[in-house]
Amino acid sequence: MLTTQARLAKHNNQPVKLVGDLYRIIDIKQVNGTSRMIATIKKIGLAEGKYEPIDVDIEYLERA
């Protein structure tokens, strides 16, 4: 996924897909000294409270 697409999905509160599951982007940050972007995502589901946020490279995310 492109950085601009990820920022738009975060702003519009749209879900993204990672390995078949739906996630919501919480935060996007840049890795120090590189052009790589990391997204903090949280799984969407009935038991959202038990899922912990994880950090993933934006390139691995897809639009849902």
Protein backbone atom coordinates (compact mmCIF):
# COMPACT_ATOMS: atom_id res chain seq x y z
CA MET A 1 0.00 0.00 0.00
CA LEU A 2 1.23 3.49 -0.72
CA THR A 3 1.83 5.94 2.10
CA THR A 4 -0.85 8.31 0.81
CA GLN A 5 -3.39 5.47 0.65
CA ALA A 6 -2.56 4.49 4.24
CA ARG A 7 -2.92 8.08 5.46
CA LEU A 8 -6.27 8.36 3.69
CA ALA A 9 -7.48 5.06 5.20
CA LYS A 10 -6.47 6.30 8.68
CA HIS A 11 -8.18 9.66 8.17
CA ASN A 12 -11.41 8.10 6.83
CA ASN A 13 -11.35 5.29 9.42
CA GLN A 14 -11.38 2.64 6.67
CA PRO A 15 -10.24 -0.94 7.34
CA VAL A 16 -7.12 -2.41 5.75
CA LYS A 17 -6.34 -6.07 5.08
CA LEU A 18 -3.33 -8.03 6.34
CA VAL A 19 -3.16 -11.80 5.75
CA GLY A 20 -6.93 -12.03 5.24
CA ASP A 21 -7.97 -10.23 8.45
CA LEU A 22 -9.29 -6.69 8.74
CA TYR A 23 -7.39 -4.10 10.77
CA ARG A 24 -7.79 -0.42 11.59
CA ILE A 25 -4.82 1.96 11.34
CA ILE A 26 -4.19 3.73 14.66
CA ASP A 27 -0.96 5.59 13.86
CA ILE A 28 1.60 6.02 11.07
CA LYS A 29 5.22 6.88 11.77
CA GLN A 30 8.50 7.04 9.87
CA VAL A 31 11.52 4.96 10.86
CA ASN A 32 14.46 7.16 11.87
CA GLY A 33 17.00 7.72 9.09
CA THR A 34 15.06 5.83 6.41
CA SER A 35 12.11 6.36 4.12
CA ARG A 36 10.25 3.32 5.54
CA MET A 37 6.85 3.92 7.11
CA ILE A 38 5.43 1.82 9.96
CA ALA A 39 1.72 1.63 10.78
CA THR A 40 0.34 0.72 14.19
CA ILE A 41 -2.76 -1.38 13.52
CA LYS A 42 -5.41 -3.11 15.62
CA LYS A 43 -7.58 -6.04 14.58
CA ILE A 44 -11.29 -5.44 13.96
CA GLY A 45 -13.66 -7.99 15.45
CA LEU A 46 -16.21 -8.84 18.10
CA ALA A 47 -13.57 -9.02 20.84
CA GLU A 48 -11.60 -5.90 19.88
CA GLY A 49 -10.66 -5.29 23.50
CA LYS A 50 -8.50 -8.40 23.74
CA TYR A 51 -6.39 -7.63 20.64
CA GLU A 52 -3.18 -5.66 21.14
CA PRO A 53 -1.97 -3.09 18.57
CA ILE A 54 0.96 -4.25 16.40
CA ASP A 55 3.50 -2.40 14.23
CA VAL A 56 3.64 -3.39 10.55
CA ASP A 57 5.43 -2.04 7.49
CA ILE A 58 2.93 -0.18 5.28
CA GLU A 59 4.02 -2.19 2.22
CA TYR A 60 2.37 -5.33 3.68
CA LEU A 61 -1.08 -3.74 4.02
CA GLU A 62 -3.83 -3.89 1.38
CA ARG A 63 -7.03 -1.90 0.99
CA ALA A 64 -10.13 -3.78 2.10
